[in-house]
Amino acid sequence: MKNLIYIFVILLFIIGCSSTNKSISTTNENSTKTSDTIRIANDSLEYEVIIIDGGFNSWLYSHARPRGFYSESYLENRNRIYVNEWNNRARQPLRYNPNLYEMQINYDSNIHYGYEVNYLIYNYFIYFQITYKQQLAGFVPRP
C-alpha cells in the first residue's frame, strides 16, 4: 500500500514540476495552508499521498465543487474508473505520453480511504484532465 502512495507522489511530483508558494497540507482531516503541496496521511492505514502541482491548489478552491457535494461512493467509483484508465495508459508508453503517465497507481478499491482522500484524488484527476487536455473516461471532465 505504501508503494502505491510513493508511486503516486513521484508521478505527481514529475507532472507538476512548476510550483508556487501556496499549499494545503491535510493530515487526518486537518488542513493548513503552507506551500503548493497537498499531503494526505493516515497512520493507521499506513498510507500517504502528496500532490505537488503548481496550479492544483488554486484550481481546487476556484473551480472544484465544495466538499460534501459528491457522495463518497460517487468519488470512489469515479476514482476507480480514472485509476484503471491511468494505469492502462501508463502501461502503453508508445501510445500515450510517457511524461504524463510515468507510473501506475495502486488504488485499492477494497480499502476505505475516507472522504477527504477520495475528494482530493478525484479533483486532481479532474484538474489533470482539464489542464493537460486528457480524457480518462468516457465522459468529459467537469469541475
N, C-alpha and C. Protein backbone atom coordinates (compact mmCIF):
# COMPACT_ATOMS: atom_id res chain seq x y z
N MET A 1 0.82 -1.18 0.00
CA MET A 1 0.00 0.00 0.00
C MET A 1 0.86 1.25 0.00
N LYS A 2 1.95 1.20 0.76
CA LYS A 2 2.84 2.35 0.77
C LYS A 2 3.44 2.60 -0.61
N ASN A 3 3.67 1.50 -1.36
CA ASN A 3 4.23 1.65 -2.70
C ASN A 3 3.29 2.44 -3.59
N LEU A 4 1.99 2.23 -3.48
CA LEU A 4 1.01 3.00 -4.25
C LEU A 4 1.17 4.47 -3.99
N ILE A 5 1.28 4.82 -2.75
CA ILE A 5 1.37 6.22 -2.38
C ILE A 5 2.67 6.82 -2.89
N TYR A 6 3.77 6.13 -2.72
CA TYR A 6 5.05 6.66 -3.17
C TYR A 6 5.06 6.82 -4.69
N ILE A 7 4.50 5.87 -5.40
CA ILE A 7 4.43 5.97 -6.85
C ILE A 7 3.57 7.15 -7.25
N PHE A 8 2.44 7.31 -6.61
CA PHE A 8 1.54 8.42 -6.92
C PHE A 8 2.22 9.76 -6.63
N VAL A 9 2.95 9.82 -5.53
CA VAL A 9 3.65 11.05 -5.15
C VAL A 9 4.72 11.40 -6.19
N ILE A 10 5.50 10.42 -6.55
CA ILE A 10 6.56 10.67 -7.53
C ILE A 10 5.96 11.09 -8.86
N LEU A 11 4.90 10.43 -9.26
CA LEU A 11 4.23 10.76 -10.52
C LEU A 11 3.73 12.20 -10.49
N LEU A 12 3.06 12.56 -9.43
CA LEU A 12 2.53 13.92 -9.33
C LEU A 12 3.64 14.95 -9.22
N PHE A 13 4.73 14.58 -8.58
CA PHE A 13 5.86 15.50 -8.50
C PHE A 13 6.43 15.77 -9.88
N ILE A 14 6.56 14.73 -10.67
CA ILE A 14 7.11 14.88 -12.01
C ILE A 14 6.17 15.67 -12.90
N ILE A 15 4.87 15.40 -12.79
CA ILE A 15 3.89 16.11 -13.61
C ILE A 15 3.87 17.59 -13.26
N GLY A 16 3.97 17.89 -11.99
CA GLY A 16 3.83 19.28 -11.57
C GLY A 16 5.15 19.91 -11.18
N CYS A 17 6.12 19.89 -12.05
CA CYS A 17 7.43 20.44 -11.71
C CYS A 17 7.38 21.94 -11.42
N SER A 18 6.44 22.65 -12.01
CA SER A 18 6.35 24.07 -11.72
C SER A 18 5.47 24.25 -10.49
N SER A 19 5.97 24.97 -9.50
CA SER A 19 5.18 25.17 -8.30
C SER A 19 5.27 26.60 -7.82
N THR A 20 4.30 26.99 -6.99
CA THR A 20 4.31 28.31 -6.37
C THR A 20 4.45 28.13 -4.87
N ASN A 21 4.16 29.16 -4.12
CA ASN A 21 4.35 29.07 -2.68
C ASN A 21 3.07 28.90 -1.90
N LYS A 22 1.99 28.46 -2.53
CA LYS A 22 0.73 28.22 -1.81
C LYS A 22 0.56 26.72 -1.65
N SER A 23 -0.06 26.30 -0.54
CA SER A 23 -0.23 24.87 -0.32
C SER A 23 -1.31 24.56 0.67
N ILE A 24 -1.69 23.31 0.64
CA ILE A 24 -2.58 22.77 1.65
C ILE A 24 -1.90 21.52 2.16
N SER A 25 -1.81 21.37 3.42
CA SER A 25 -1.27 20.15 3.99
C SER A 25 -2.39 19.53 4.80
N THR A 26 -2.89 18.38 4.36
CA THR A 26 -4.00 17.75 5.02
C THR A 26 -3.53 16.46 5.67
N THR A 27 -3.68 16.37 6.97
CA THR A 27 -3.31 15.18 7.70
C THR A 27 -4.48 14.77 8.58
N ASN A 28 -5.06 13.61 8.26
CA ASN A 28 -6.20 13.10 9.02
C ASN A 28 -7.29 14.15 9.21
N GLU A 29 -7.71 14.77 8.16
CA GLU A 29 -8.81 15.72 8.10
C GLU A 29 -8.47 17.10 8.69
N ASN A 30 -7.22 17.37 9.03
CA ASN A 30 -6.82 18.70 9.47
C ASN A 30 -6.09 19.37 8.32
N SER A 31 -6.41 20.65 8.02
CA SER A 31 -5.74 21.28 6.91
C SER A 31 -5.23 22.66 7.28
N THR A 32 -4.05 22.98 6.73
CA THR A 32 -3.46 24.29 6.89
C THR A 32 -2.75 24.65 5.60
N LYS A 33 -2.71 25.96 5.27
CA LYS A 33 -2.03 26.40 4.07
C LYS A 33 -0.56 26.65 4.38
N THR A 34 0.36 26.06 3.56
CA THR A 34 1.77 26.32 3.75
C THR A 34 2.55 26.42 2.44
N SER A 35 2.32 25.60 1.44
CA SER A 35 3.01 25.68 0.16
C SER A 35 2.11 25.02 -0.88
N ASP A 36 2.57 24.87 -2.11
CA ASP A 36 1.70 24.31 -3.14
C ASP A 36 1.75 22.79 -3.13
N THR A 37 1.53 22.20 -1.99
CA THR A 37 1.56 20.77 -1.81
C THR A 37 0.34 20.35 -1.01
N ILE A 38 -0.26 19.25 -1.41
CA ILE A 38 -1.35 18.69 -0.62
C ILE A 38 -0.87 17.36 -0.10
N ARG A 39 -0.90 17.20 1.21
CA ARG A 39 -0.46 15.97 1.85
C ARG A 39 -1.64 15.35 2.56
N ILE A 40 -1.87 14.09 2.27
CA ILE A 40 -2.94 13.34 2.91
C ILE A 40 -2.29 12.13 3.56
N ALA A 41 -2.47 11.97 4.85
CA ALA A 41 -1.83 10.86 5.54
C ALA A 41 -2.78 10.25 6.56
N ASN A 42 -2.61 8.96 6.79
CA ASN A 42 -3.37 8.24 7.79
C ASN A 42 -2.45 7.17 8.36
N ASP A 43 -1.99 7.37 9.57
CA ASP A 43 -1.03 6.45 10.17
C ASP A 43 -1.62 5.07 10.41
N SER A 44 -2.91 4.98 10.71
CA SER A 44 -3.50 3.67 10.99
C SER A 44 -3.57 2.81 9.74
N LEU A 45 -3.76 3.41 8.55
CA LEU A 45 -3.77 2.64 7.31
C LEU A 45 -2.40 2.60 6.65
N GLU A 46 -1.44 3.34 7.20
CA GLU A 46 -0.08 3.38 6.68
C GLU A 46 -0.02 3.81 5.23
N TYR A 47 -0.64 4.93 4.91
CA TYR A 47 -0.51 5.48 3.58
C TYR A 47 -0.31 6.98 3.66
N GLU A 48 0.26 7.49 2.59
CA GLU A 48 0.47 8.93 2.49
C GLU A 48 0.41 9.29 1.01
N VAL A 49 -0.35 10.32 0.69
CA VAL A 49 -0.44 10.82 -0.67
C VAL A 49 0.01 12.28 -0.63
N ILE A 50 0.92 12.62 -1.53
CA ILE A 50 1.35 14.01 -1.63
C ILE A 50 1.12 14.44 -3.07
N ILE A 51 0.34 15.49 -3.24
CA ILE A 51 0.06 16.02 -4.58
C ILE A 51 0.82 17.33 -4.70
N ILE A 52 1.75 17.36 -5.66
CA ILE A 52 2.54 18.57 -5.91
C ILE A 52 2.27 18.97 -7.35
N ASP A 53 1.55 20.04 -7.53
CA ASP A 53 1.28 20.56 -8.86
C ASP A 53 1.05 22.05 -8.73
N GLY A 54 1.74 22.82 -9.53
CA GLY A 54 1.75 24.26 -9.42
C GLY A 54 0.41 24.95 -9.36
N GLY A 55 -0.58 24.46 -10.08
CA GLY A 55 -1.84 25.16 -10.11
C GLY A 55 -2.99 24.44 -9.44
N PHE A 56 -2.73 23.28 -8.85
CA PHE A 56 -3.83 22.48 -8.33
C PHE A 56 -4.56 23.17 -7.18
N ASN A 57 -3.83 23.74 -6.23
CA ASN A 57 -4.50 24.38 -5.08
C ASN A 57 -5.44 25.49 -5.51
N SER A 58 -4.95 26.38 -6.35
CA SER A 58 -5.80 27.49 -6.78
C SER A 58 -6.99 26.96 -7.57
N TRP A 59 -6.77 25.94 -8.40
CA TRP A 59 -7.87 25.35 -9.14
C TRP A 59 -8.87 24.71 -8.19
N LEU A 60 -8.37 24.00 -7.17
CA LEU A 60 -9.23 23.32 -6.21
C LEU A 60 -10.19 24.30 -5.54
N TYR A 61 -9.68 25.45 -5.15
CA TYR A 61 -10.51 26.42 -4.44
C TYR A 61 -11.33 27.31 -5.35
N SER A 62 -10.97 27.39 -6.61
CA SER A 62 -11.73 28.27 -7.51
C SER A 62 -12.68 27.52 -8.43
N HIS A 63 -12.44 26.25 -8.71
CA HIS A 63 -13.27 25.52 -9.68
C HIS A 63 -13.95 24.26 -9.13
N ALA A 64 -13.35 23.60 -8.18
CA ALA A 64 -13.89 22.33 -7.70
C ALA A 64 -15.18 22.53 -6.92
N ARG A 65 -16.04 21.54 -6.98
CA ARG A 65 -17.26 21.55 -6.16
C ARG A 65 -16.87 21.47 -4.70
N PRO A 66 -17.65 22.07 -3.81
CA PRO A 66 -17.29 22.05 -2.38
C PRO A 66 -17.36 20.64 -1.80
N ARG A 67 -16.63 20.45 -0.72
CA ARG A 67 -16.68 19.17 -0.01
C ARG A 67 -18.13 18.89 0.39
N GLY A 68 -18.53 17.66 0.24
CA GLY A 68 -19.89 17.28 0.56
C GLY A 68 -20.82 17.31 -0.65
N PHE A 69 -20.39 17.90 -1.76
CA PHE A 69 -21.23 17.96 -2.95
C PHE A 69 -21.45 16.57 -3.52
N TYR A 70 -20.37 15.78 -3.59
CA TYR A 70 -20.45 14.41 -4.10
C TYR A 70 -20.50 13.45 -2.92
N SER A 71 -21.15 12.32 -3.11
CA SER A 71 -21.15 11.29 -2.07
C SER A 71 -19.80 10.56 -2.13
N GLU A 72 -19.45 9.94 -1.04
CA GLU A 72 -18.19 9.20 -1.00
C GLU A 72 -18.19 8.04 -1.99
N SER A 73 -19.33 7.37 -2.15
CA SER A 73 -19.39 6.26 -3.11
C SER A 73 -19.22 6.75 -4.54
N TYR A 74 -19.74 7.93 -4.85
CA TYR A 74 -19.55 8.51 -6.19
C TYR A 74 -18.06 8.75 -6.44
N LEU A 75 -17.39 9.36 -5.45
CA LEU A 75 -15.97 9.64 -5.60
C LEU A 75 -15.16 8.36 -5.74
N GLU A 76 -15.48 7.35 -4.94
CA GLU A 76 -14.76 6.07 -5.02
C GLU A 76 -14.95 5.43 -6.39
N ASN A 77 -16.18 5.45 -6.91
CA ASN A 77 -16.44 4.86 -8.22
C ASN A 77 -15.70 5.59 -9.32
N ARG A 78 -15.73 6.90 -9.30
CA ARG A 78 -15.01 7.67 -10.32
C ARG A 78 -13.50 7.47 -10.20
N ASN A 79 -12.99 7.46 -8.98
CA ASN A 79 -11.55 7.24 -8.81
C ASN A 79 -11.14 5.88 -9.34
N ARG A 80 -11.95 4.89 -9.12
CA ARG A 80 -11.67 3.54 -9.63
C ARG A 80 -11.57 3.57 -11.16
N ILE A 81 -12.50 4.25 -11.81
CA ILE A 81 -12.50 4.36 -13.27
C ILE A 81 -11.26 5.11 -13.74
N TYR A 82 -10.98 6.24 -13.11
CA TYR A 82 -9.83 7.05 -13.52
C TYR A 82 -8.51 6.32 -13.30
N VAL A 83 -8.37 5.64 -12.17
CA VAL A 83 -7.13 4.90 -11.89
C VAL A 83 -6.95 3.78 -12.90
N ASN A 84 -8.01 3.06 -13.23
CA ASN A 84 -7.90 1.99 -14.22
C ASN A 84 -7.42 2.52 -15.56
N GLU A 85 -7.99 3.62 -16.01
CA GLU A 85 -7.59 4.20 -17.28
C GLU A 85 -6.17 4.74 -17.21
N TRP A 86 -5.83 5.40 -16.09
CA TRP A 86 -4.48 5.91 -15.89
C TRP A 86 -3.47 4.77 -16.02
N ASN A 87 -3.73 3.66 -15.33
CA ASN A 87 -2.83 2.52 -15.36
C ASN A 87 -2.73 1.91 -16.75
N ASN A 88 -3.84 1.85 -17.48
CA ASN A 88 -3.79 1.37 -18.86
C ASN A 88 -2.86 2.23 -19.70
N ARG A 89 -2.93 3.53 -19.52
CA ARG A 89 -2.08 4.45 -20.28
C ARG A 89 -0.62 4.36 -19.83
N ALA A 90 -0.40 4.16 -18.55
CA ALA A 90 0.97 4.04 -18.05
C ALA A 90 1.65 2.79 -18.61
N ARG A 91 0.87 1.75 -18.91
CA ARG A 91 1.41 0.51 -19.47
C ARG A 91 1.65 0.61 -20.98
N GLN A 92 1.24 1.72 -21.60
CA GLN A 92 1.39 1.88 -23.05
C GLN A 92 2.16 3.17 -23.38
N PRO A 93 3.44 3.23 -23.04
CA PRO A 93 4.20 4.47 -23.24
C PRO A 93 4.38 4.87 -24.70
N LEU A 94 4.25 3.93 -25.62
CA LEU A 94 4.38 4.28 -27.03
C LEU A 94 3.10 4.91 -27.58
N ARG A 95 2.00 4.65 -26.93
CA ARG A 95 0.71 5.18 -27.38
C ARG A 95 0.33 6.47 -26.66
N TYR A 96 0.65 6.57 -25.38
CA TYR A 96 0.32 7.73 -24.57
C TYR A 96 1.60 8.40 -24.09
N ASN A 97 1.52 9.68 -23.85
CA ASN A 97 2.67 10.48 -23.46
C ASN A 97 3.29 9.92 -22.17
N PRO A 98 4.48 9.36 -22.25
CA PRO A 98 5.10 8.79 -21.05
C PRO A 98 5.49 9.85 -20.02
N ASN A 99 5.53 11.11 -20.41
CA ASN A 99 5.82 12.17 -19.44
C ASN A 99 4.61 12.46 -18.56
N LEU A 100 3.41 12.14 -19.04
CA LEU A 100 2.21 12.34 -18.24
C LEU A 100 1.88 11.11 -17.40
N TYR A 101 2.09 9.94 -17.96
CA TYR A 101 1.72 8.68 -17.30
C TYR A 101 2.99 7.87 -17.05
N GLU A 102 3.80 8.32 -16.12
CA GLU A 102 5.09 7.68 -15.90
C GLU A 102 4.99 6.41 -15.06
N MET A 103 4.08 6.39 -14.10
CA MET A 103 3.97 5.25 -13.20
C MET A 103 2.51 4.87 -13.02
N GLN A 104 2.31 3.62 -12.65
CA GLN A 104 0.96 3.16 -12.35
C GLN A 104 0.58 3.56 -10.93
N ILE A 105 -0.72 3.64 -10.70
CA ILE A 105 -1.26 3.98 -9.38
C ILE A 105 -1.91 2.73 -8.81
N ASN A 106 -1.57 2.39 -7.59
CA ASN A 106 -2.11 1.20 -6.94
C ASN A 106 -3.22 1.61 -5.98
N TYR A 107 -4.37 1.97 -6.54
CA TYR A 107 -5.53 2.38 -5.75
C TYR A 107 -6.37 1.14 -5.49
N ASP A 108 -6.46 0.73 -4.25
CA ASP A 108 -7.19 -0.49 -3.89
C ASP A 108 -8.62 -0.12 -3.49
N SER A 109 -9.58 -0.53 -4.30
CA SER A 109 -10.97 -0.18 -4.04
C SER A 109 -11.54 -0.89 -2.80
N ASN A 110 -10.82 -1.86 -2.27
CA ASN A 110 -11.28 -2.56 -1.06
C ASN A 110 -10.85 -1.84 0.22
N ILE A 111 -10.03 -0.83 0.08
CA ILE A 111 -9.59 -0.06 1.25
C ILE A 111 -10.44 1.19 1.36
N HIS A 112 -10.90 1.47 2.57
CA HIS A 112 -11.69 2.67 2.81
C HIS A 112 -10.73 3.82 3.14
N TYR A 113 -10.49 4.69 2.16
CA TYR A 113 -9.55 5.79 2.33
C TYR A 113 -10.18 6.99 3.04
N GLY A 114 -11.49 7.05 3.03
CA GLY A 114 -12.17 8.19 3.64
C GLY A 114 -12.54 9.23 2.61
N TYR A 115 -13.42 10.12 3.02
CA TYR A 115 -13.96 11.11 2.09
C TYR A 115 -12.89 12.08 1.59
N GLU A 116 -12.08 12.60 2.49
CA GLU A 116 -11.09 13.62 2.12
C GLU A 116 -10.10 13.12 1.08
N VAL A 117 -9.60 11.91 1.26
CA VAL A 117 -8.65 11.34 0.30
C VAL A 117 -9.32 11.18 -1.06
N ASN A 118 -10.50 10.60 -1.07
CA ASN A 118 -11.20 10.40 -2.35
C ASN A 118 -11.56 11.72 -3.01
N TYR A 119 -11.93 12.71 -2.22
CA TYR A 119 -12.29 14.03 -2.75
C TYR A 119 -11.08 14.67 -3.43
N LEU A 120 -9.93 14.65 -2.77
CA LEU A 120 -8.74 15.28 -3.34
C LEU A 120 -8.21 14.52 -4.56
N ILE A 121 -8.21 13.21 -4.50
CA ILE A 121 -7.75 12.43 -5.65
C ILE A 121 -8.67 12.64 -6.84
N TYR A 122 -9.98 12.60 -6.59
CA TYR A 122 -10.95 12.83 -7.67
C TYR A 122 -10.72 14.20 -8.32
N ASN A 123 -10.59 15.21 -7.50
CA ASN A 123 -10.39 16.55 -8.04
C ASN A 123 -9.05 16.70 -8.74
N TYR A 124 -8.03 15.97 -8.28
CA TYR A 124 -6.77 16.02 -9.02
C TYR A 124 -6.95 15.41 -10.41
N PHE A 125 -7.67 14.31 -10.50
CA PHE A 125 -7.92 13.71 -11.81
C PHE A 125 -8.67 14.68 -12.73
N ILE A 126 -9.65 15.38 -12.20
CA ILE A 126 -10.39 16.37 -12.99
C ILE A 126 -9.45 17.48 -13.43
N TYR A 127 -8.67 18.00 -12.50
CA TYR A 127 -7.70 19.04 -12.80
C TYR A 127 -6.72 18.57 -13.88
N PHE A 128 -6.18 17.38 -13.71
CA PHE A 128 -5.23 16.81 -14.66
C PHE A 128 -5.82 16.74 -16.06
N GLN A 129 -7.05 16.24 -16.16
CA GLN A 129 -7.69 16.08 -17.46
C GLN A 129 -7.92 17.43 -18.15
N ILE A 130 -8.35 18.41 -17.38
CA ILE A 130 -8.62 19.74 -17.95
C ILE A 130 -7.30 20.42 -18.33
N THR A 131 -6.33 20.39 -17.44
CA THR A 131 -5.06 21.09 -17.64
C THR A 131 -4.26 20.50 -18.79
N TYR A 132 -4.19 19.18 -18.87
CA TYR A 132 -3.37 18.52 -19.88
C TYR A 132 -4.18 18.01 -21.07
N LYS A 133 -5.45 18.42 -21.14
CA LYS A 133 -6.34 18.07 -22.25
C LYS A 133 -6.36 16.56 -22.50
N GLN A 134 -6.61 15.83 -21.44
CA GLN A 134 -6.73 14.37 -21.48
C GLN A 134 -8.15 13.99 -21.11
N GLN A 135 -8.58 12.83 -21.54
CA GLN A 135 -9.89 12.32 -21.13
C GLN A 135 -9.69 10.89 -20.65
N LEU A 136 -9.80 10.68 -19.35
CA LEU A 136 -9.51 9.39 -18.75
C LEU A 136 -10.69 8.43 -18.76
N ALA A 137 -11.86 8.90 -19.08
CA ALA A 137 -13.04 8.03 -19.08
C ALA A 137 -13.95 8.43 -20.23
N GLY A 138 -15.08 7.79 -20.35
CA GLY A 138 -16.00 8.03 -21.44
C GLY A 138 -16.83 9.30 -21.30
N PHE A 139 -16.53 10.13 -20.32
CA PHE A 139 -17.29 11.36 -20.11
C PHE A 139 -16.32 12.54 -20.00
N VAL A 140 -16.79 13.69 -20.37
CA VAL A 140 -15.97 14.90 -20.35
C VAL A 140 -15.82 15.38 -18.90
N PRO A 141 -14.59 15.62 -18.46
CA PRO A 141 -14.39 16.07 -17.07
C PRO A 141 -14.90 17.48 -16.87
N ARG A 142 -15.63 17.65 -15.79
CA ARG A 142 -16.11 18.98 -15.38
C ARG A 142 -15.86 19.16 -13.91
N PRO A 143 -15.46 20.38 -13.52
CA PRO A 143 -15.24 20.60 -12.08
C PRO A 143 -16.51 20.52 -11.28
